């Protein structure tokens, strides 16, 4: 069974630099990680990007590899809220993330 994810334009913080925020929900695993990576890269405009993963319910190693490739291009940061079930796995995988979108935005400012 193929996992499903959502990807929508999220609200950018009112103050701070111009940053595009993409909110990701659902599950990302080996069945859809390539599709997820492609969708993010298609929506990525020039300039900084924050991926808000707070609504994500599950990520496997393929998902973290896709995120790593997106982040390796530079100018992007990840937000992953405090109660999210993916936080522990993200920490173990060494994914750099921020507790809120606002903190992620600030990390891209300087």
N, C-alpha and C. Protein backbone atom coordinates (compact mmCIF):
# COMPACT_ATOMS: atom_id res chain seq x y z
N UNK A 1 0.85 -1.18 0.00
CA UNK A 1 0.00 0.00 0.00
C UNK A 1 0.90 1.25 0.00
N UNK A 2 0.60 2.16 -0.91
CA UNK A 2 1.40 3.38 -1.04
C UNK A 2 1.00 4.39 0.04
N UNK A 3 2.02 4.94 0.70
CA UNK A 3 1.79 6.01 1.68
C UNK A 3 1.34 7.27 0.96
N UNK A 4 0.65 8.14 1.68
CA UNK A 4 0.15 9.39 1.11
C UNK A 4 0.68 10.57 1.92
N UNK A 5 1.01 11.63 1.21
CA UNK A 5 1.42 12.87 1.86
C UNK A 5 0.68 14.04 1.23
N UNK A 6 0.63 15.14 1.97
CA UNK A 6 0.09 16.38 1.44
C UNK A 6 1.20 17.42 1.47
N UNK A 7 1.12 18.37 0.57
CA UNK A 7 2.10 19.44 0.49
C UNK A 7 1.34 20.70 0.10
N UNK A 8 1.29 21.67 1.01
CA UNK A 8 0.57 22.91 0.74
C UNK A 8 1.39 24.11 1.16
N UNK A 9 1.12 25.20 0.49
CA UNK A 9 1.77 26.47 0.84
C UNK A 9 1.26 26.87 2.22
N UNK A 10 2.17 27.11 3.13
CA UNK A 10 1.79 27.52 4.47
C UNK A 10 1.95 29.01 4.63
N UNK A 11 1.40 29.55 5.70
CA UNK A 11 1.55 31.00 5.93
C UNK A 11 2.98 31.34 6.33
N UNK A 12 3.52 32.35 5.70
CA UNK A 12 4.85 32.84 6.07
C UNK A 12 4.70 33.78 7.25
N UNK A 13 5.67 33.79 8.14
CA UNK A 13 5.61 34.72 9.27
C UNK A 13 5.51 36.16 8.80
N UNK A 14 4.79 36.96 9.56
CA UNK A 14 4.55 38.35 9.19
C UNK A 14 5.83 39.17 9.18
N UNK A 15 6.74 38.87 10.08
CA UNK A 15 7.98 39.63 10.13
C UNK A 15 9.14 38.73 9.71
N UNK A 16 10.22 39.36 9.34
CA UNK A 16 11.39 38.60 8.95
C UNK A 16 11.55 38.57 7.45
N UNK A 17 12.52 37.79 6.98
CA UNK A 17 12.81 37.75 5.55
C UNK A 17 11.70 37.06 4.77
N UNK A 18 11.68 37.29 3.47
CA UNK A 18 10.74 36.60 2.59
C UNK A 18 11.13 35.13 2.52
N UNK A 19 10.28 34.29 3.04
CA UNK A 19 10.54 32.85 3.08
C UNK A 19 9.30 32.12 2.61
N UNK A 20 9.49 31.14 1.78
CA UNK A 20 8.38 30.29 1.37
C UNK A 20 8.25 29.16 2.38
N UNK A 21 7.02 28.92 2.84
CA UNK A 21 6.77 27.84 3.81
C UNK A 21 5.90 26.79 3.14
N UNK A 22 6.37 25.55 3.14
CA UNK A 22 5.58 24.43 2.64
C UNK A 22 5.25 23.53 3.82
N UNK A 23 3.97 23.31 4.04
CA UNK A 23 3.50 22.45 5.11
C UNK A 23 3.28 21.04 4.55
N UNK A 24 3.88 20.06 5.22
CA UNK A 24 3.82 18.67 4.77
C UNK A 24 3.02 17.88 5.79
N UNK A 25 2.12 17.02 5.32
CA UNK A 25 1.35 16.17 6.21
C UNK A 25 1.33 14.73 5.70
N UNK A 26 0.80 13.84 6.50
CA UNK A 26 0.66 12.44 6.11
C UNK A 26 1.87 11.60 6.44
N UNK A 27 2.18 10.68 5.54
CA UNK A 27 3.28 9.74 5.74
C UNK A 27 4.20 9.74 4.53
N UNK A 28 5.51 9.66 4.81
CA UNK A 28 6.50 9.60 3.73
C UNK A 28 7.38 8.38 3.99
N UNK A 29 7.42 7.48 3.01
CA UNK A 29 8.24 6.28 3.15
C UNK A 29 8.78 5.88 1.79
N UNK A 30 9.31 4.68 1.70
CA UNK A 30 9.94 4.23 0.45
C UNK A 30 8.96 4.22 -0.73
N UNK A 31 7.66 4.13 -0.46
CA UNK A 31 6.69 4.07 -1.55
C UNK A 31 6.43 5.43 -2.19
N UNK A 32 6.77 6.52 -1.49
CA UNK A 32 6.47 7.84 -2.05
C UNK A 32 7.58 8.88 -1.82
N UNK A 33 8.73 8.48 -1.29
CA UNK A 33 9.80 9.44 -0.97
C UNK A 33 10.30 10.17 -2.22
N UNK A 34 10.45 9.47 -3.33
CA UNK A 34 10.91 10.12 -4.57
C UNK A 34 9.88 11.12 -5.06
N UNK A 35 8.61 10.76 -4.96
CA UNK A 35 7.53 11.67 -5.35
C UNK A 35 7.51 12.90 -4.44
N UNK A 36 7.73 12.69 -3.14
CA UNK A 36 7.79 13.79 -2.18
C UNK A 36 8.93 14.74 -2.54
N UNK A 37 10.12 14.19 -2.76
CA UNK A 37 11.28 15.02 -3.10
C UNK A 37 11.03 15.83 -4.37
N UNK A 38 10.49 15.19 -5.38
CA UNK A 38 10.18 15.86 -6.64
C UNK A 38 9.15 16.98 -6.43
N UNK A 39 8.13 16.72 -5.64
CA UNK A 39 7.09 17.73 -5.39
C UNK A 39 7.66 18.95 -4.67
N UNK A 40 8.54 18.71 -3.70
CA UNK A 40 9.17 19.84 -2.99
C UNK A 40 10.04 20.64 -3.94
N UNK A 41 10.85 19.95 -4.72
CA UNK A 41 11.75 20.65 -5.64
C UNK A 41 10.98 21.41 -6.72
N UNK A 42 9.84 20.89 -7.16
CA UNK A 42 9.02 21.60 -8.14
C UNK A 42 8.45 22.89 -7.57
N UNK A 43 8.11 22.87 -6.31
CA UNK A 43 7.50 24.05 -5.68
C UNK A 43 8.52 25.01 -5.11
N UNK A 44 9.75 24.62 -5.13
CA UNK A 44 10.79 25.46 -4.55
C UNK A 44 11.10 26.60 -5.50
N UNK A 45 10.85 27.79 -5.04
CA UNK A 45 11.17 28.99 -5.82
C UNK A 45 12.55 29.48 -5.38
N UNK A 46 13.14 30.36 -6.15
CA UNK A 46 14.38 30.95 -5.66
C UNK A 46 14.14 31.62 -4.32
N UNK A 47 15.08 31.49 -3.45
CA UNK A 47 14.95 32.07 -2.13
C UNK A 47 14.79 30.99 -1.07
N UNK A 48 14.78 31.41 0.19
CA UNK A 48 14.74 30.46 1.29
C UNK A 48 13.41 29.71 1.40
N UNK A 49 13.50 28.49 1.92
CA UNK A 49 12.35 27.61 2.04
C UNK A 49 12.34 26.98 3.43
N UNK A 50 11.16 26.96 4.06
CA UNK A 50 10.97 26.21 5.30
C UNK A 50 9.98 25.09 5.02
N UNK A 51 10.37 23.87 5.37
CA UNK A 51 9.48 22.72 5.30
C UNK A 51 8.93 22.50 6.70
N UNK A 52 7.63 22.71 6.86
CA UNK A 52 6.99 22.47 8.16
C UNK A 52 6.50 21.03 8.18
N UNK A 53 7.22 20.18 8.88
CA UNK A 53 6.90 18.76 8.97
C UNK A 53 6.05 18.43 10.19
N UNK A 54 5.60 19.42 10.91
CA UNK A 54 4.83 19.19 12.13
C UNK A 54 3.63 18.28 11.89
N UNK A 55 2.88 18.40 10.78
CA UNK A 55 1.74 17.50 10.56
C UNK A 55 2.09 16.09 10.08
N UNK A 56 3.38 15.81 9.81
CA UNK A 56 3.76 14.49 9.31
C UNK A 56 3.61 13.46 10.43
N UNK A 57 3.04 12.31 10.07
CA UNK A 57 2.80 11.25 11.05
C UNK A 57 3.87 10.16 11.03
N UNK A 58 4.56 10.00 9.89
CA UNK A 58 5.54 8.91 9.77
C UNK A 58 6.56 9.24 8.69
N UNK A 59 7.82 8.94 8.98
CA UNK A 59 8.91 9.03 8.00
C UNK A 59 9.80 7.81 8.18
N UNK A 60 10.20 7.19 7.09
CA UNK A 60 11.19 6.13 7.19
C UNK A 60 12.53 6.65 6.65
N UNK A 61 13.51 5.75 6.53
CA UNK A 61 14.84 6.19 6.11
C UNK A 61 14.85 6.78 4.70
N UNK A 62 13.97 6.28 3.82
CA UNK A 62 13.88 6.86 2.46
C UNK A 62 13.41 8.31 2.53
N UNK A 63 12.49 8.59 3.43
CA UNK A 63 12.00 9.96 3.61
C UNK A 63 13.12 10.87 4.12
N UNK A 64 13.87 10.38 5.11
CA UNK A 64 14.97 11.19 5.63
C UNK A 64 16.05 11.40 4.57
N UNK A 65 16.30 10.42 3.73
CA UNK A 65 17.26 10.58 2.64
C UNK A 65 16.78 11.65 1.65
N UNK A 66 15.49 11.64 1.33
CA UNK A 66 14.92 12.65 0.43
C UNK A 66 15.05 14.04 1.05
N UNK A 67 14.74 14.15 2.33
CA UNK A 67 14.88 15.44 3.03
C UNK A 67 16.33 15.90 3.02
N UNK A 68 17.24 14.98 3.24
CA UNK A 68 18.66 15.32 3.24
C UNK A 68 19.09 15.88 1.89
N UNK A 69 18.60 15.28 0.82
CA UNK A 69 18.96 15.78 -0.52
C UNK A 69 18.38 17.18 -0.77
N UNK A 70 17.15 17.42 -0.31
CA UNK A 70 16.55 18.74 -0.46
C UNK A 70 17.35 19.77 0.33
N UNK A 71 17.70 19.44 1.58
CA UNK A 71 18.43 20.36 2.43
C UNK A 71 19.85 20.60 1.94
N UNK A 72 20.44 19.61 1.28
CA UNK A 72 21.81 19.74 0.77
C UNK A 72 21.92 20.81 -0.31
N UNK A 73 20.81 21.17 -0.93
CA UNK A 73 20.84 22.23 -1.95
C UNK A 73 20.97 23.61 -1.33
N UNK A 74 20.83 23.70 -0.02
CA UNK A 74 21.01 24.97 0.69
C UNK A 74 19.77 25.83 0.69
N UNK A 75 19.75 26.79 1.60
CA UNK A 75 18.66 27.75 1.68
C UNK A 75 17.34 27.17 2.16
N UNK A 76 17.40 26.07 2.89
CA UNK A 76 16.18 25.45 3.39
C UNK A 76 16.37 25.04 4.84
N UNK A 77 15.26 25.01 5.57
CA UNK A 77 15.26 24.60 6.97
C UNK A 77 13.99 23.80 7.24
N UNK A 78 14.02 23.03 8.30
CA UNK A 78 12.89 22.18 8.68
C UNK A 78 12.34 22.62 10.03
N UNK A 79 11.01 22.68 10.12
CA UNK A 79 10.32 22.89 11.40
C UNK A 79 9.62 21.59 11.74
N UNK A 80 9.72 21.21 13.01
CA UNK A 80 9.12 19.96 13.48
C UNK A 80 8.65 20.17 14.90
N UNK A 81 7.34 20.43 15.07
CA UNK A 81 6.75 20.78 16.35
C UNK A 81 6.95 19.74 17.44
N UNK A 82 6.83 20.19 18.68
CA UNK A 82 7.16 19.42 19.86
C UNK A 82 6.46 18.10 20.08
N UNK A 83 5.21 17.95 19.70
CA UNK A 83 4.48 16.71 19.95
C UNK A 83 4.50 15.77 18.77
N UNK A 84 5.26 16.06 17.76
CA UNK A 84 5.26 15.26 16.54
C UNK A 84 5.94 13.91 16.79
N UNK A 85 5.31 12.81 16.32
CA UNK A 85 5.90 11.49 16.53
C UNK A 85 7.19 11.25 15.74
N UNK A 86 7.51 12.11 14.77
CA UNK A 86 8.69 11.92 13.93
C UNK A 86 9.94 12.54 14.57
N UNK A 87 9.77 13.37 15.58
CA UNK A 87 10.92 14.09 16.18
C UNK A 87 12.03 13.17 16.66
N UNK A 88 11.68 12.11 17.34
CA UNK A 88 12.72 11.21 17.87
C UNK A 88 13.52 10.58 16.73
N UNK A 89 12.83 10.09 15.72
CA UNK A 89 13.52 9.50 14.57
C UNK A 89 14.38 10.56 13.87
N UNK A 90 13.87 11.78 13.75
CA UNK A 90 14.64 12.86 13.12
C UNK A 90 15.92 13.14 13.89
N UNK A 91 15.83 13.12 15.21
CA UNK A 91 17.01 13.33 16.04
C UNK A 91 18.02 12.21 15.84
N UNK A 92 17.53 10.97 15.84
CA UNK A 92 18.42 9.82 15.66
C UNK A 92 19.09 9.87 14.29
N UNK A 93 18.34 10.29 13.27
CA UNK A 93 18.88 10.35 11.90
C UNK A 93 19.79 11.56 11.69
N UNK A 94 19.85 12.46 12.66
CA UNK A 94 20.71 13.63 12.55
C UNK A 94 20.13 14.74 11.70
N UNK A 95 18.81 14.73 11.49
CA UNK A 95 18.16 15.80 10.73
C UNK A 95 18.12 17.07 11.57
N UNK A 96 18.67 18.14 11.05
CA UNK A 96 18.60 19.42 11.75
C UNK A 96 17.19 19.97 11.61
N UNK A 97 16.57 20.31 12.73
CA UNK A 97 15.22 20.88 12.68
C UNK A 97 15.04 21.89 13.80
N UNK A 98 13.99 22.70 13.65
CA UNK A 98 13.65 23.74 14.62
C UNK A 98 12.26 23.45 15.16
N UNK A 99 12.00 23.92 16.37
CA UNK A 99 10.73 23.64 17.04
C UNK A 99 9.53 24.33 16.42
N UNK A 100 9.75 25.45 15.75
CA UNK A 100 8.65 26.21 15.14
C UNK A 100 9.06 26.73 13.77
N UNK A 101 8.07 27.10 12.99
CA UNK A 101 8.34 27.73 11.70
C UNK A 101 9.10 29.03 11.90
N UNK A 102 8.72 29.80 12.91
CA UNK A 102 9.38 31.08 13.16
C UNK A 102 10.88 30.91 13.41
N UNK A 103 11.23 29.89 14.22
CA UNK A 103 12.64 29.64 14.49
C UNK A 103 13.36 29.17 13.23
N UNK A 104 12.71 28.38 12.41
CA UNK A 104 13.31 27.94 11.15
C UNK A 104 13.56 29.12 10.23
N UNK A 105 12.59 30.03 10.17
CA UNK A 105 12.73 31.24 9.34
C UNK A 105 13.94 32.05 9.83
N UNK A 106 14.02 32.24 11.14
CA UNK A 106 15.14 33.03 11.70
C UNK A 106 16.49 32.39 11.37
N UNK A 107 16.53 31.05 11.35
CA UNK A 107 17.79 30.37 11.06
C UNK A 107 18.26 30.66 9.63
N UNK A 108 17.33 30.97 8.75
CA UNK A 108 17.68 31.26 7.36
C UNK A 108 18.06 32.72 7.15
N UNK A 109 17.75 33.56 8.12
CA UNK A 109 17.99 34.99 7.98
C UNK A 109 19.46 35.36 8.09
N UNK A 110 20.21 34.57 8.76
CA UNK A 110 21.57 35.03 8.95
C UNK A 110 22.53 33.97 8.97
